[in-house]
PDB file of N, CA and C in Angstrom:
ATOM      1  N   MET A   1     -47.818  -0.552  53.031  1.00  0.00           N
ATOM      2  CA  MET A   1     -49.247  -0.614  52.762  1.00  0.00           C
ATOM      3  C   MET A   1     -49.916   0.581  53.434  1.00  0.00           C
ATOM      4  N   GLU A   2     -50.758   1.260  52.703  1.00  0.00           N
ATOM      5  CA  GLU A   2     -51.490   2.412  53.209  1.00  0.00           C
ATOM      6  C   GLU A   2     -52.842   1.955  53.778  1.00  0.00           C
ATOM      7  N   PRO A   3     -53.427   2.737  54.687  1.00  0.00           N
ATOM      8  CA  PRO A   3     -54.737   2.339  55.240  1.00  0.00           C
ATOM      9  C   PRO A   3     -55.805   2.127  54.173  1.00  0.00           C
ATOM     10  N   ASN A   4     -55.784   2.899  53.094  1.00  0.00           N
ATOM     11  CA  ASN A   4     -56.790   2.737  52.042  1.00  0.00           C
ATOM     12  C   ASN A   4     -56.552   1.507  51.181  1.00  0.00           C
ATOM     13  N   ASP A   5     -55.417   0.849  51.337  1.00  0.00           N
ATOM     14  CA  ASP A   5     -55.130  -0.359  50.566  1.00  0.00           C
ATOM     15  C   ASP A   5     -55.772  -1.602  51.178  1.00  0.00           C
ATOM     16  N   LEU A   6     -56.282  -1.480  52.366  1.00  0.00           N
ATOM     17  CA  LEU A   6     -56.886  -2.629  53.032  1.00  0.00           C
ATOM     18  C   LEU A   6     -58.219  -2.963  52.380  1.00  0.00           C
ATOM     19  N   PRO A   7     -58.595  -4.240  52.362  1.00  0.00           N
ATOM     20  CA  PRO A   7     -59.879  -4.605  51.752  1.00  0.00           C
ATOM     21  C   PRO A   7     -61.037  -3.996  52.535  1.00  0.00           C
ATOM     22  N   ILE A   8     -62.080  -3.634  51.807  1.00  0.00           N
ATOM     23  CA  ILE A   8     -63.266  -3.054  52.443  1.00  0.00           C
ATOM     24  C   ILE A   8     -64.042  -4.142  53.184  1.00  0.00           C
ATOM     25  N   VAL A   9     -64.072  -5.329  52.614  1.00  0.00           N
ATOM     26  CA  VAL A   9     -64.830  -6.439  53.193  1.00  0.00           C
ATOM     27  C   VAL A   9     -63.891  -7.621  53.375  1.00  0.00           C
ATOM     28  N   CYS A  10     -63.939  -8.199  54.540  1.00  0.00           N
ATOM     29  CA  CYS A  10     -63.171  -9.419  54.794  1.00  0.00           C
ATOM     30  C   CYS A  10     -64.150 -10.587  54.766  1.00  0.00           C
ATOM     31  N   LEU A  11     -63.989 -11.450  53.786  1.00  0.00           N
ATOM     32  CA  LEU A  11     -64.886 -12.594  53.653  1.00  0.00           C
ATOM     33  C   LEU A  11     -64.389 -13.745  54.508  1.00  0.00           C
ATOM     34  N   PRO A  12     -65.302 -14.465  55.122  1.00  0.00           N
ATOM     35  CA  PRO A  12     -64.879 -15.641  55.879  1.00  0.00           C
ATOM     36  C   PRO A  12     -64.299 -16.687  54.933  1.00  0.00           C
ATOM     37  N   LEU A  13     -63.235 -17.325  55.379  1.00  0.00           N
ATOM     38  CA  LEU A  13     -62.549 -18.283  54.515  1.00  0.00           C
ATOM     39  C   LEU A  13     -63.265 -19.623  54.433  1.00  0.00           C
ATOM     40  N   GLU A  14     -63.865 -20.024  55.516  1.00  0.00           N
ATOM     41  CA  GLU A  14     -64.525 -21.337  55.508  1.00  0.00           C
ATOM     42  C   GLU A  14     -65.970 -21.178  55.956  1.00  0.00           C
ATOM     43  N   LEU A  15     -66.864 -21.459  55.039  1.00  0.00           N
ATOM     44  CA  LEU A  15     -68.292 -21.438  55.338  1.00  0.00           C
ATOM     45  C   LEU A  15     -68.891 -22.774  54.942  1.00  0.00           C
ATOM     46  N   SER A  16     -69.926 -23.156  55.656  1.00  0.00           N
ATOM     47  CA  SER A  16     -70.666 -24.335  55.227  1.00  0.00           C
ATOM     48  C   SER A  16     -71.484 -23.947  54.002  1.00  0.00           C
ATOM     49  N   GLY A  17     -71.963 -24.928  53.289  1.00  0.00           N
ATOM     50  CA  GLY A  17     -72.809 -24.642  52.129  1.00  0.00           C
ATOM     51  C   GLY A  17     -74.039 -23.853  52.517  1.00  0.00           C
ATOM     52  N   ASP A  18     -74.634 -24.192  53.662  1.00  0.00           N
ATOM     53  CA  ASP A  18     -75.822 -23.490  54.130  1.00  0.00           C
ATOM     54  C   ASP A  18     -75.500 -22.038  54.464  1.00  0.00           C
ATOM     55  N   ALA A  19     -74.384 -21.803  55.140  1.00  0.00           N
ATOM     56  CA  ALA A  19     -73.994 -20.439  55.506  1.00  0.00           C
ATOM     57  C   ALA A  19     -73.652 -19.619  54.263  1.00  0.00           C
ATOM     58  N   ALA A  20     -72.996 -20.231  53.282  1.00  0.00           N
ATOM     59  CA  ALA A  20     -72.673 -19.527  52.039  1.00  0.00           C
ATOM     60  C   ALA A  20     -73.949 -19.138  51.306  1.00  0.00           C
ATOM     61  N   GLU A  21     -74.914 -20.039  51.276  1.00  0.00           N
ATOM     62  CA  GLU A  21     -76.194 -19.738  50.628  1.00  0.00           C
ATOM     63  C   GLU A  21     -76.890 -18.580  51.322  1.00  0.00           C
ATOM     64  N   LYS A  22     -76.908 -18.583  52.653  1.00  0.00           N
ATOM     65  CA  LYS A  22     -77.547 -17.499  53.408  1.00  0.00           C
ATOM     66  C   LYS A  22     -76.832 -16.168  53.173  1.00  0.00           C
ATOM     67  N   LEU A  23     -75.511 -16.189  53.120  1.00  0.00           N
ATOM     68  CA  LEU A  23     -74.744 -14.975  52.880  1.00  0.00           C
ATOM     69  C   LEU A  23     -75.057 -14.405  51.502  1.00  0.00           C
ATOM     70  N   ILE A  24     -75.069 -15.258  50.495  1.00  0.00           N
ATOM     71  CA  ILE A  24     -75.344 -14.793  49.127  1.00  0.00           C
ATOM     72  C   ILE A  24     -76.776 -14.279  49.012  1.00  0.00           C
ATOM     73  N   ASN A  25     -77.733 -14.961  49.620  1.00  0.00           N
ATOM     74  CA  ASN A  25     -79.121 -14.479  49.595  1.00  0.00           C
ATOM     75  C   ASN A  25     -79.233 -13.113  50.260  1.00  0.00           C
ATOM     76  N   PHE A  26     -78.533 -12.925  51.375  1.00  0.00           N
ATOM     77  CA  PHE A  26     -78.540 -11.631  52.048  1.00  0.00           C
ATOM     78  C   PHE A  26     -77.950 -10.554  51.142  1.00  0.00           C
ATOM     79  N   LEU A  27     -76.849 -10.850  50.473  1.00  0.00           N
ATOM     80  CA  LEU A  27     -76.215  -9.861  49.600  1.00  0.00           C
ATOM     81  C   LEU A  27     -77.111  -9.517  48.411  1.00  0.00           C
ATOM     82  N   TYR A  28     -77.813 -10.507  47.847  1.00  0.00           N
ATOM     83  CA  TYR A  28     -78.764 -10.233  46.766  1.00  0.00           C
ATOM     84  C   TYR A  28     -79.882  -9.313  47.263  1.00  0.00           C
ATOM     85  N   GLN A  29     -80.417  -9.598  48.442  1.00  0.00           N
ATOM     86  CA  GLN A  29     -81.490  -8.770  48.990  1.00  0.00           C
ATOM     87  C   GLN A  29     -81.001  -7.351  49.266  1.00  0.00           C
ATOM     88  N   LEU A  30     -79.775  -7.217  49.756  1.00  0.00           N
ATOM     89  CA  LEU A  30     -79.198  -5.907  50.003  1.00  0.00           C
ATOM     90  C   LEU A  30     -79.037  -5.131  48.692  1.00  0.00           C
ATOM     91  N   THR A  31     -78.533  -5.816  47.666  1.00  0.00           N
ATOM     92  CA  THR A  31     -78.366  -5.172  46.361  1.00  0.00           C
ATOM     93  C   THR A  31     -79.709  -4.725  45.801  1.00  0.00           C
ATOM     94  N   GLU A  32     -80.726  -5.578  45.887  1.00  0.00           N
ATOM     95  CA  GLU A  32     -82.058  -5.217  45.394  1.00  0.00           C
ATOM     96  C   GLU A  32     -82.626  -4.026  46.156  1.00  0.00           C
ATOM     97  N   ALA A  33     -82.412  -3.975  47.468  1.00  0.00           N
ATOM     98  CA  ALA A  33     -82.903  -2.849  48.264  1.00  0.00           C
ATOM     99  C   ALA A  33     -82.192  -1.558  47.853  1.00  0.00           C
ATOM    100  N   LEU A  34     -80.896  -1.626  47.620  1.00  0.00           N
ATOM    101  CA  LEU A  34     -80.147  -0.447  47.176  1.00  0.00           C
ATOM    102  C   LEU A  34     -80.627   0.022  45.809  1.00  0.00           C
ATOM    103  N   GLU A  35     -80.867  -0.924  44.901  1.00  0.00           N
ATOM    104  CA  GLU A  35     -81.349  -0.556  43.566  1.00  0.00           C
ATOM    105  C   GLU A  35     -82.723   0.095  43.632  1.00  0.00           C
ATOM    106  N   ARG A  36     -83.609  -0.447  44.464  1.00  0.00           N
ATOM    107  CA  ARG A  36     -84.940   0.150  44.603  1.00  0.00           C
ATOM    108  C   ARG A  36     -84.834   1.558  45.192  1.00  0.00           C
ATOM    109  N   HIS A  37     -84.000   1.715  46.206  1.00  0.00           N
ATOM    110  CA  HIS A  37     -83.880   2.993  46.895  1.00  0.00           C
ATOM    111  C   HIS A  37     -83.264   4.065  45.993  1.00  0.00           C
ATOM    112  N   TYR A  38     -82.262   3.678  45.213  1.00  0.00           N
ATOM    113  CA  TYR A  38     -81.535   4.643  44.399  1.00  0.00           C
ATOM    114  C   TYR A  38     -81.905   4.575  42.915  1.00  0.00           C
ATOM    115  N   SER A  39     -82.995   3.911  42.577  1.00  0.00           N
ATOM    116  CA  SER A  39     -83.325   3.711  41.165  1.00  0.00           C
ATOM    117  C   SER A  39     -83.501   5.034  40.422  1.00  0.00           C
ATOM    118  N   GLY A  40     -84.139   6.008  41.037  1.00  0.00           N
ATOM    119  CA  GLY A  40     -84.315   7.298  40.377  1.00  0.00           C
ATOM    120  C   GLY A  40     -82.978   7.948  40.056  1.00  0.00           C
ATOM    121  N   LEU A  41     -82.054   7.905  40.999  1.00  0.00           N
ATOM    122  CA  LEU A  41     -80.731   8.478  40.765  1.00  0.00           C
ATOM    123  C   LEU A  41     -79.987   7.721  39.677  1.00  0.00           C
ATOM    124  N   LEU A  42     -80.140   6.397  39.675  1.00  0.00           N
ATOM    125  CA  LEU A  42     -79.461   5.589  38.667  1.00  0.00           C
ATOM    126  C   LEU A  42     -79.998   5.875  37.270  1.00  0.00           C
ATOM    127  N   ILE A  43     -81.313   6.048  37.157  1.00  0.00           N
ATOM    128  CA  ILE A  43     -81.919   6.353  35.859  1.00  0.00           C
ATOM    129  C   ILE A  43     -81.459   7.729  35.377  1.00  0.00           C
ATOM    130  N   ASN A  44     -81.468   8.713  36.279  1.00  0.00           N
ATOM    131  CA  ASN A  44     -80.993  10.047  35.903  1.00  0.00           C
ATOM    132  C   ASN A  44     -79.543  10.003  35.444  1.00  0.00           C
ATOM    133  N   ARG A  45     -78.723   9.253  36.131  1.00  0.00           N
ATOM    134  CA  ARG A  45     -77.309   9.147  35.771  1.00  0.00           C
ATOM    135  C   ARG A  45     -77.156   8.490  34.402  1.00  0.00           C
ATOM    136  N   ALA A  46     -77.943   7.478  34.120  1.00  0.00           N
ATOM    137  CA  ALA A  46     -77.875   6.809  32.819  1.00  0.00           C
ATOM    138  C   ALA A  46     -78.254   7.782  31.707  1.00  0.00           C
ATOM    139  N   HIS A  47     -79.247   8.630  31.963  1.00  0.00           N
ATOM    140  CA  HIS A  47     -79.641   9.627  30.955  1.00  0.00           C
ATOM    141  C   HIS A  47     -78.537  10.658  30.748  1.00  0.00           C
ATOM    142  N   GLN A  48     -77.828  11.008  31.819  1.00  0.00           N
ATOM    143  CA  GLN A  48     -76.724  11.959  31.696  1.00  0.00           C
ATOM    144  C   GLN A  48     -75.591  11.389  30.855  1.00  0.00           C
ATOM    145  N   LEU A  49     -75.372  10.094  30.973  1.00  0.00           N
ATOM    146  CA  LEU A  49     -74.260   9.455  30.266  1.00  0.00           C
ATOM    147  C   LEU A  49     -74.623   9.044  28.845  1.00  0.00           C
ATOM    148  N   ALA A  50     -75.916   9.054  28.512  1.00  0.00           N
ATOM    149  CA  ALA A  50     -76.357   8.644  27.174  1.00  0.00           C
ATOM    150  C   ALA A  50     -75.910   9.679  26.149  1.00  0.00           C
ATOM    151  N   PRO A  51     -75.665   9.255  24.908  1.00  0.00           N
ATOM    152  CA  PRO A  51     -75.304  10.219  23.869  1.00  0.00           C
ATOM    153  C   PRO A  51     -76.401  11.262  23.698  1.00  0.00           C
ATOM    154  N   SER A  52     -76.008  12.488  23.378  1.00  0.00           N
ATOM    155  CA  SER A  52     -76.979  13.570  23.306  1.00  0.00           C
ATOM    156  C   SER A  52     -77.845  13.514  22.049  1.00  0.00           C
ATOM    157  N   CYS A  53     -77.347  12.946  20.963  1.00  0.00           N
ATOM    158  CA  CYS A  53     -78.177  12.859  19.764  1.00  0.00           C
ATOM    159  C   CYS A  53     -78.487  11.393  19.472  1.00  0.00           C
ATOM    160  N   PRO A  54     -79.742  11.115  19.146  1.00  0.00           N
ATOM    161  CA  PRO A  54     -80.133   9.718  18.895  1.00  0.00           C
ATOM    162  C   PRO A  54     -79.501   9.195  17.606  1.00  0.00           C
ATOM    163  N   PRO A  55     -79.359   7.891  17.519  1.00  0.00           N
ATOM    164  CA  PRO A  55     -78.809   7.318  16.289  1.00  0.00           C
ATOM    165  C   PRO A  55     -79.749   7.563  15.114  1.00  0.00           C
ATOM    166  N   PRO A  56     -79.226   7.600  13.908  1.00  0.00           N
ATOM    167  CA  PRO A  56     -80.091   7.839  12.743  1.00  0.00           C
ATOM    168  C   PRO A  56     -81.057   6.671  12.551  1.00  0.00           C
ATOM    169  N   PRO A  57     -82.238   6.953  12.008  1.00  0.00           N
ATOM    170  CA  PRO A  57     -83.205   5.872  11.785  1.00  0.00           C
ATOM    171  C   PRO A  57     -82.679   4.915  10.714  1.00  0.00           C
ATOM    172  N   PRO A  58     -83.084   3.666  10.781  1.00  0.00           N
ATOM    173  CA  PRO A  58     -82.636   2.709   9.762  1.00  0.00           C
ATOM    174  C   PRO A  58     -83.153   3.098   8.386  1.00  0.00           C
ATOM    175  N   SER A  59     -82.379   2.779   7.381  1.00  0.00           N
ATOM    176  CA  SER A  59     -82.804   3.106   6.024  1.00  0.00           C
ATOM    177  C   SER A  59     -83.999   2.244   5.644  1.00  0.00           C
ATOM    178  N   PRO A  60     -84.883   2.758   4.793  1.00  0.00           N
ATOM    179  CA  PRO A  60     -86.073   1.976   4.421  1.00  0.00           C
ATOM    180  C   PRO A  60     -85.681   0.719   3.642  1.00  0.00           C
ATOM    181  N   ALA A  61     -86.426  -0.308   3.902  1.00  0.00           N
ATOM    182  CA  ALA A  61     -86.163  -1.572   3.215  1.00  0.00           C
ATOM    183  C   ALA A  61     -86.595  -1.477   1.753  1.00  0.00           C
ATOM    184  N   THR A  62     -85.855  -2.111   0.903  1.00  0.00           N
ATOM    185  CA  THR A  62     -86.219  -2.135  -0.515  1.00  0.00           C
ATOM    186  C   THR A  62     -86.531  -3.559  -0.932  1.00  0.00           C
ATOM    187  N   ASP A  63     -87.242  -3.681  -2.037  1.00  0.00           N
ATOM    188  CA  ASP A  63     -87.581  -5.013  -2.533  1.00  0.00           C
ATOM    189  C   ASP A  63     -86.504  -5.543  -3.480  1.00  0.00           C
ATOM    190  N   ASP A  64     -85.472  -4.757  -3.726  1.00  0.00           N
ATOM    191  CA  ASP A  64     -84.400  -5.196  -4.626  1.00  0.00           C
ATOM    192  C   ASP A  64     -83.614  -6.327  -3.980  1.00  0.00           C
ATOM    193  N   THR A  65     -83.430  -7.397  -4.701  1.00  0.00           N
ATOM    194  CA  THR A  65     -82.605  -8.486  -4.194  1.00  0.00           C
ATOM    195  C   THR A  65     -81.156  -8.191  -4.542  1.00  0.00           C
ATOM    196  N   PRO A  66     -80.218  -8.527  -3.676  1.00  0.00           N
ATOM    197  CA  PRO A  66     -78.811  -8.182  -3.935  1.00  0.00           C
ATOM    198  C   PRO A  66     -78.189  -9.032  -5.041  1.00  0.00           C
ATOM    199  N   PHE A  67     -78.845 -10.079  -5.486  1.00  0.00           N
ATOM    200  CA  PHE A  67     -78.221 -10.958  -6.500  1.00  0.00           C
ATOM    201  C   PHE A  67     -78.990 -10.961  -7.788  1.00  0.00           C
TER     202      PHE A  67
END
């Protein structure tokens, strides 16, 4: 096993329901703070990864019934 193969986070094996709830709430708040802080970078990255040409516009609707 290499040092980089070790888990980044070691989760506690036994938590009470209250402690698990507090841990998850903390992780949600941490994630939201990271998203707020890095939102500009995330938006720029999404634009970089988006296709360069937009999809073609939908064809105009016709009144012809198919049957």
